[in-house]
Structures are given as C-alpha cells and as structure tokens.
C-alpha atoms as a PDB file:
ATOM      1  CA  MET A   1      21.687   7.619  35.906  1.00  0.00           C
ATOM      2  CA  PRO A   2      25.434   7.080  36.580  1.00  0.00           C
ATOM      3  CA  ASP A   3      26.789   7.576  40.109  1.00  0.00           C
ATOM      4  CA  VAL A   4      29.604  10.141  40.315  1.00  0.00           C
ATOM      5  CA  LEU A   5      32.107  11.019  43.042  1.00  0.00           C
ATOM      6  CA  ILE A   6      33.607  14.525  42.893  1.00  0.00           C
ATOM      7  CA  ALA A   7      37.087  14.964  44.415  1.00  0.00           C
ATOM      8  CA  ASP A   8      38.476  18.505  44.451  1.00  0.00           C
ATOM      9  CA  ASP A   9      39.959  20.609  47.243  1.00  0.00           C
ATOM     10  CA  SER A  10      38.224  23.726  45.892  1.00  0.00           C
ATOM     11  CA  GLU A  11      34.631  24.089  47.086  1.00  0.00           C
ATOM     12  CA  PHE A  12      33.987  26.381  44.118  1.00  0.00           C
ATOM     13  CA  MET A  13      35.111  23.689  41.648  1.00  0.00           C
ATOM     14  CA  ARG A  14      33.091  20.969  43.429  1.00  0.00           C
ATOM     15  CA  ASN A  15      29.996  23.183  43.251  1.00  0.00           C
ATOM     16  CA  LEU A  16      30.613  23.940  39.571  1.00  0.00           C
ATOM     17  CA  LEU A  17      30.996  20.252  38.693  1.00  0.00           C
ATOM     18  CA  ARG A  18      27.907  19.344  40.736  1.00  0.00           C
ATOM     19  CA  GLU A  19      25.854  21.963  38.870  1.00  0.00           C
ATOM     20  CA  ILE A  20      27.071  20.617  35.515  1.00  0.00           C
ATOM     21  CA  LEU A  21      26.493  16.957  36.418  1.00  0.00           C
ATOM     22  CA  GLU A  22      23.485  16.758  38.734  1.00  0.00           C
ATOM     23  CA  GLU A  23      20.885  16.922  35.961  1.00  0.00           C
ATOM     24  CA  ASP A  24      22.096  13.673  34.331  1.00  0.00           C
ATOM     25  CA  HIS A  25      24.107  12.022  37.133  1.00  0.00           C
ATOM     26  CA  ASN A  26      23.658  10.970  40.743  1.00  0.00           C
ATOM     27  CA  ILE A  27      26.322  12.667  42.896  1.00  0.00           C
ATOM     28  CA  VAL A  28      27.240  10.102  45.587  1.00  0.00           C
ATOM     29  CA  GLY A  29      29.865  12.226  47.318  1.00  0.00           C
ATOM     30  CA  GLU A  30      32.047  15.307  47.309  1.00  0.00           C
ATOM     31  CA  VAL A  31      35.477  15.111  48.918  1.00  0.00           C
ATOM     32  CA  GLU A  32      38.450  17.444  49.397  1.00  0.00           C
ATOM     33  CA  ASN A  33      41.498  15.162  49.147  1.00  0.00           C
ATOM     34  CA  GLY A  34      42.780  11.876  47.780  1.00  0.00           C
ATOM     35  CA  VAL A  35      42.438   9.986  51.071  1.00  0.00           C
ATOM     36  CA  GLU A  36      38.728  10.815  51.235  1.00  0.00           C
ATOM     37  CA  ALA A  37      38.379  10.001  47.526  1.00  0.00           C
ATOM     38  CA  VAL A  38      39.718   6.456  47.987  1.00  0.00           C
ATOM     39  CA  GLU A  39      37.608   5.857  51.120  1.00  0.00           C
ATOM     40  CA  THR A  40      34.431   7.185  49.508  1.00  0.00           C
ATOM     41  CA  TYR A  41      35.114   5.212  46.328  1.00  0.00           C
ATOM     42  CA  LYS A  42      35.340   1.999  48.361  1.00  0.00           C
ATOM     43  CA  ASP A  43      32.085   2.810  50.188  1.00  0.00           C
ATOM     44  CA  GLU A  44      30.022   4.050  47.235  1.00  0.00           C
ATOM     45  CA  LYS A  45      31.520   2.244  44.192  1.00  0.00           C
ATOM     46  CA  PRO A  46      30.525   5.066  41.807  1.00  0.00           C
ATOM     47  CA  ASP A  47      30.474   4.638  38.037  1.00  0.00           C
ATOM     48  CA  LEU A  48      32.807   7.618  37.671  1.00  0.00           C
ATOM     49  CA  VAL A  49      35.237   9.705  39.713  1.00  0.00           C
ATOM     50  CA  MET A  50      35.936  13.313  38.749  1.00  0.00           C
ATOM     51  CA  MET A  51      39.399  13.668  40.337  1.00  0.00           C
ATOM     52  CA  ASP A  52      41.404  16.857  40.810  1.00  0.00           C
ATOM     53  CA  ILE A  53      45.135  16.291  40.335  1.00  0.00           C
ATOM     54  CA  VAL A  54      46.436  18.704  42.977  1.00  0.00           C
ATOM     55  CA  MET A  55      44.880  18.152  46.419  1.00  0.00           C
ATOM     56  CA  PRO A  56      46.195  18.219  49.983  1.00  0.00           C
ATOM     57  CA  ILE A  57      47.129  15.140  52.072  1.00  0.00           C
ATOM     58  CA  ARG A  58      47.106  12.878  48.999  1.00  0.00           C
ATOM     59  CA  ASP A  59      46.986  14.048  45.403  1.00  0.00           C
ATOM     60  CA  GLY A  60      44.661  12.774  42.717  1.00  0.00           C
ATOM     61  CA  ILE A  61      47.388  10.800  40.965  1.00  0.00           C
ATOM     62  CA  ASP A  62      48.095   8.614  44.021  1.00  0.00           C
ATOM     63  CA  ALA A  63      44.372   8.260  44.735  1.00  0.00           C
ATOM     64  CA  THR A  64      43.690   7.217  41.125  1.00  0.00           C
ATOM     65  CA  ASP A  65      46.529   4.697  41.283  1.00  0.00           C
ATOM     66  CA  GLU A  66      45.064   3.084  44.424  1.00  0.00           C
ATOM     67  CA  ILE A  67      41.505   3.045  43.070  1.00  0.00           C
ATOM     68  CA  LYS A  68      42.673   1.459  39.796  1.00  0.00           C
ATOM     69  CA  ASP A  69      44.827  -1.116  41.651  1.00  0.00           C
ATOM     70  CA  GLU A  70      41.783  -2.302  43.580  1.00  0.00           C
ATOM     71  CA  ASN A  71      39.303  -1.927  40.732  1.00  0.00           C
ATOM     72  CA  PRO A  72      40.893  -1.841  37.251  1.00  0.00           C
ATOM     73  CA  GLY A  73      37.454  -1.195  35.737  1.00  0.00           C
ATOM     74  CA  ALA A  74      36.991   2.056  37.659  1.00  0.00           C
ATOM     75  CA  HIS A  75      36.415   5.165  35.529  1.00  0.00           C
ATOM     76  CA  VAL A  76      38.426   8.251  36.536  1.00  0.00           C
ATOM     77  CA  ILE A  77      38.475  11.600  34.762  1.00  0.00           C
ATOM     78  CA  MET A  78      41.201  13.948  35.952  1.00  0.00           C
ATOM     79  CA  CYS A  79      40.479  17.631  36.456  1.00  0.00           C
ATOM     80  CA  THR A  80      43.546  19.696  35.659  1.00  0.00           C
ATOM     81  CA  SER A  81      44.611  23.285  35.280  1.00  0.00           C
ATOM     82  CA  VAL A  82      46.185  24.572  32.097  1.00  0.00           C
ATOM     83  CA  GLY A  83      49.951  24.033  32.185  1.00  0.00           C
ATOM     84  CA  GLN A  84      49.934  20.742  34.116  1.00  0.00           C
ATOM     85  CA  GLU A  85      50.969  18.519  31.216  1.00  0.00           C
ATOM     86  CA  GLU A  86      53.617  16.644  33.217  1.00  0.00           C
ATOM     87  CA  LYS A  87      51.150  15.851  35.995  1.00  0.00           C
ATOM     88  CA  MET A  88      48.633  14.758  33.368  1.00  0.00           C
ATOM     89  CA  LYS A  89      51.159  12.263  31.975  1.00  0.00           C
ATOM     90  CA  GLU A  90      51.632  10.891  35.511  1.00  0.00           C
ATOM     91  CA  ALA A  91      47.844  10.638  35.907  1.00  0.00           C
ATOM     92  CA  VAL A  92      47.537   8.627  32.685  1.00  0.00           C
ATOM     93  CA  LYS A  93      50.280   6.268  33.921  1.00  0.00           C
ATOM     94  CA  ALA A  94      48.285   5.889  37.155  1.00  0.00           C
ATOM     95  CA  GLY A  95      45.269   4.810  35.121  1.00  0.00           C
ATOM     96  CA  ALA A  96      43.229   7.956  34.452  1.00  0.00           C
ATOM     97  CA  ASP A  97      40.764   7.391  31.624  1.00  0.00           C
ATOM     98  CA  GLY A  98      40.582  11.004  30.482  1.00  0.00           C
ATOM     99  CA  TYR A  99      40.819  14.591  31.608  1.00  0.00           C
ATOM    100  CA  ILE A 100      39.099  17.935  31.550  1.00  0.00           C
ATOM    101  CA  THR A 101      40.749  21.326  31.922  1.00  0.00           C
ATOM    102  CA  LYS A 102      39.671  24.071  34.306  1.00  0.00           C
ATOM    103  CA  PRO A 103      37.698  26.264  33.983  1.00  0.00           C
ATOM    104  CA  PHE A 104      35.047  23.654  33.197  1.00  0.00           C
ATOM    105  CA  GLN A 105      32.545  24.097  30.417  1.00  0.00           C
ATOM    106  CA  LYS A 106      29.507  21.815  30.401  1.00  0.00           C
ATOM    107  CA  PRO A 107      29.956  20.571  26.782  1.00  0.00           C
ATOM    108  CA  SER A 108      33.579  19.487  27.353  1.00  0.00           C
ATOM    109  CA  VAL A 109      32.728  17.815  30.675  1.00  0.00           C
ATOM    110  CA  MET A 110      29.819  15.889  29.161  1.00  0.00           C
ATOM    111  CA  GLU A 111      31.906  14.897  26.118  1.00  0.00           C
ATOM    112  CA  ALA A 112      34.707  13.547  28.335  1.00  0.00           C
ATOM    113  CA  ILE A 113      32.198  11.487  30.326  1.00  0.00           C
ATOM    114  CA  GLU A 114      30.474  10.133  27.197  1.00  0.00           C
ATOM    115  CA  ASP A 115      33.857   8.996  25.861  1.00  0.00           C
ATOM    116  CA  ILE A 116      34.532   6.925  28.990  1.00  0.00           C
ATOM    117  CA  VAL A 117      31.321   5.817  30.702  1.00  0.00           C
ATOM    118  CA  PRO A 118      29.060   3.589  28.635  1.00  0.00           C
ATOM    119  CA  SER A 119      25.507   4.883  28.636  1.00  0.00           C
END
C-alpha cells in the first residue's frame, strides 16, 4: 500500500482526497502549506505527494521544486483548479509528474496515480 502525503490549504479538499485515497493508500500526513509539505516529505519519505499549487507561506510549485531537487525520484501530482494552465506549466518545470483538476473525482485521481506510481 503506497504512502501518500496530502498538501492542500483547504481542509475540505484534504478530507476529500483522504476519502478517495485511504482505501488503497496509507496517508502519512496532511499539511496546509509548502513549508510543511517539504518538512513532512523529508520525515516520512512517502511514495507520492498530492500537492496543491496555490497555498500560503510557500506554494506547491516551490515545494515541488525543493522536494525534486533533494529526491529526483519523488512522485508529485499537482492539484489544480480549472483555469490555472500557466501555473501548471510552472509546476511541470519544477518537476511535477502529473496533475488532477478540482473538483476531484475518484476515477481521475486513481488514474493519475496509476500513471505515475508503479504498483
């Protein structure tokens, strides 16, 4: 069962992702900003990070960049809102492996994970 870190400043979105993932994944942490995401990643070394792009203190793009600098093999899926194409391009440059669009639907979330994390 893959370990997953959820990083999103919205408690509602974290809860939604946890509900979608907890049946098939081990949730090792839920954080609200990019600083916490990097710290928790270093502590937990999850198989996958579900990373919101827009978060306070430090956004998901900067956090992804730091995680990928330290561990190029890290798997990061960005969580984005419709209309954030420019930010998505920045996230891919920072090393994001894929993305899902809010509002999340279980089939699209699971498909994105299957494309990135070897089972």
